[in-house]
C-alpha atoms as a PDB file:
ATOM      1  CA  MET A   1     143.463  68.859 114.073  1.00  0.00           C
ATOM      2  CA  ALA A   2     141.447  65.502 113.633  1.00  0.00           C
ATOM      3  CA  ALA A   3     142.883  64.454 117.009  1.00  0.00           C
ATOM      4  CA  LEU A   4     141.833  67.654 118.615  1.00  0.00           C
ATOM      5  CA  LEU A   5     138.417  67.268 117.311  1.00  0.00           C
ATOM      6  CA  ALA A   6     138.175  63.326 118.544  1.00  0.00           C
ATOM      7  CA  GLN A   7     138.917  64.656 122.069  1.00  0.00           C
ATOM      8  CA  LEU A   8     136.186  67.259 122.225  1.00  0.00           C
ATOM      9  CA  PRO A   9     132.953  65.824 123.698  1.00  0.00           C
ATOM     10  CA  ALA A  10     129.627  66.265 121.514  1.00  0.00           C
ATOM     11  CA  LEU A  11     127.217  68.588 123.018  1.00  0.00           C
ATOM     12  CA  PRO A  12     124.314  66.820 124.470  1.00  0.00           C
ATOM     13  CA  LEU A  13     120.991  67.144 122.228  1.00  0.00           C
ATOM     14  CA  HIS A  14     119.147  69.292 124.619  1.00  0.00           C
ATOM     15  CA  GLU A  15     121.893  71.981 124.403  1.00  0.00           C
ATOM     16  CA  ALA A  16     122.742  71.473 120.703  1.00  0.00           C
ATOM     17  CA  GLY A  17     119.326  72.237 119.559  1.00  0.00           C
ATOM     18  CA  LYS A  18     119.609  75.863 119.802  1.00  0.00           C
ATOM     19  CA  TYR A  19     122.691  76.253 118.104  1.00  0.00           C
ATOM     20  CA  VAL A  20     121.276  74.115 115.277  1.00  0.00           C
ATOM     21  CA  ALA A  21     118.130  76.189 115.116  1.00  0.00           C
ATOM     22  CA  GLY A  22     120.362  79.287 115.100  1.00  0.00           C
ATOM     23  CA  ALA A  23     122.306  78.310 112.567  1.00  0.00           C
ATOM     24  CA  TYR A  24     119.308  77.146 110.178  1.00  0.00           C
ATOM     25  CA  ILE A  25     117.788  80.721 111.171  1.00  0.00           C
ATOM     26  CA  ALA A  26     121.197  82.535 110.045  1.00  0.00           C
ATOM     27  CA  LEU A  27     121.257  80.626 106.568  1.00  0.00           C
ATOM     28  CA  PHE A  28     117.466  81.439 106.079  1.00  0.00           C
ATOM     29  CA  VAL A  29     118.304  85.018 106.679  1.00  0.00           C
ATOM     30  CA  VAL A  30     121.232  85.282 104.400  1.00  0.00           C
ATOM     31  CA  VAL A  31     119.316  83.460 101.681  1.00  0.00           C
ATOM     32  CA  VAL A  32     116.147  85.855 102.097  1.00  0.00           C
ATOM     33  CA  VAL A  33     118.514  88.711 101.758  1.00  0.00           C
ATOM     34  CA  TYR A  34     120.164  86.980  98.565  1.00  0.00           C
ATOM     35  CA  VAL A  35     117.069  86.718  96.957  1.00  0.00           C
ATOM     36  CA  ALA A  36     115.967  90.098  97.979  1.00  0.00           C
ATOM     37  CA  VAL A  37     119.058  91.872  96.228  1.00  0.00           C
ATOM     38  CA  MET A  38     118.800  89.568  93.208  1.00  0.00           C
ATOM     39  CA  ALA A  39     115.203  90.627  92.695  1.00  0.00           C
ATOM     40  CA  ILE A  40     116.135  94.576  93.233  1.00  0.00           C
ATOM     41  CA  ARG A  41     118.954  94.133  90.369  1.00  0.00           C
ATOM     42  CA  VAL A  42     116.904  92.061  88.127  1.00  0.00           C
ATOM     43  CA  GLY A  43     113.991  94.847  88.241  1.00  0.00           C
ATOM     44  CA  ARG A  44     116.455  97.474  88.038  1.00  0.00           C
ATOM     45  CA  ILE A  45     117.808  95.912  84.730  1.00  0.00           C
ATOM     46  CA  GLU A  46     114.420  95.213  83.305  1.00  0.00           C
ATOM     47  CA  ARG A  47     113.659  99.058  83.824  1.00  0.00           C
ATOM     48  CA  GLU A  48     116.433 100.000  81.984  1.00  0.00           C
ATOM     49  CA  LEU A  49     116.066  97.420  79.207  1.00  0.00           C
ATOM     50  CA  ASP A  50     112.357  98.601  78.607  1.00  0.00           C
ATOM     51  CA  GLU A  51     113.897 102.210  78.582  1.00  0.00           C
ATOM     52  CA  ARG A  52     116.370 101.509  76.140  1.00  0.00           C
ATOM     53  CA  SER A  53     113.984  99.554  74.108  1.00  0.00           C
ATOM     54  CA  GLU A  54     111.580 102.487  74.073  1.00  0.00           C
ATOM     55  CA  ARG A  55     114.126 104.751  73.014  1.00  0.00           C
ATOM     56  CA  THR A  56     115.106 102.438  70.064  1.00  0.00           C
ATOM     57  CA  ARG A  57     111.446 102.391  68.969  1.00  0.00           C
ATOM     58  CA  SER A  58     111.064 105.964  69.226  1.00  0.00           C
ATOM     59  CA  SER A  59     114.147 106.783  67.039  1.00  0.00           C
ATOM     60  CA  SER A  60     113.545 104.081  64.432  1.00  0.00           C
ATOM     61  CA  ALA A  61     110.079 105.474  64.119  1.00  0.00           C
ATOM     62  CA  GLU A  62     111.012 109.078  63.523  1.00  0.00           C
ATOM     63  CA  PRO A  63     112.442 109.902  60.156  1.00  0.00           C
ATOM     64  CA  GLU A  64     115.701 111.312  59.579  1.00  0.00           C
ATOM     65  CA  ARG A  65     115.307 114.964  58.848  1.00  0.00           C
ATOM     66  CA  GLY A  66     117.941 116.769  56.507  1.00  0.00           C
ATOM     67  CA  GLU A  67     119.360 120.488  57.386  1.00  0.00           C
ATOM     68  CA  ALA A  68     116.412 122.188  55.972  1.00  0.00           C
ATOM     69  CA  GLY A  69     113.876 120.127  57.895  1.00  0.00           C
ATOM     70  CA  GLU A  70     113.208 118.093  55.044  1.00  0.00           C
ATOM     71  CA  PRO A  71     112.976 113.985  55.138  1.00  0.00           C
ATOM     72  CA  ALA A  72     116.372 112.719  54.251  1.00  0.00           C
ATOM     73  CA  GLY A  73     116.828 111.722  50.500  1.00  0.00           C
ATOM     74  CA  SER A  74     114.714 114.263  49.158  1.00  0.00           C
END
């Protein structure tokens, strides 16, 4: 493989520049998409965590009721 690569001529700079720019643009797009997906996931997890936290607070604030609607332990 190294012998094959050694025999291939390098692209002249005026031709290689567009490929390098294209590679950087493609990499930038991939990174932006990745960051956007992670931001969406983090937002979804935060909303779910807030909902669960609210449910926990509201269930702990309400006293438990017995069979007849009286507070438990009465």
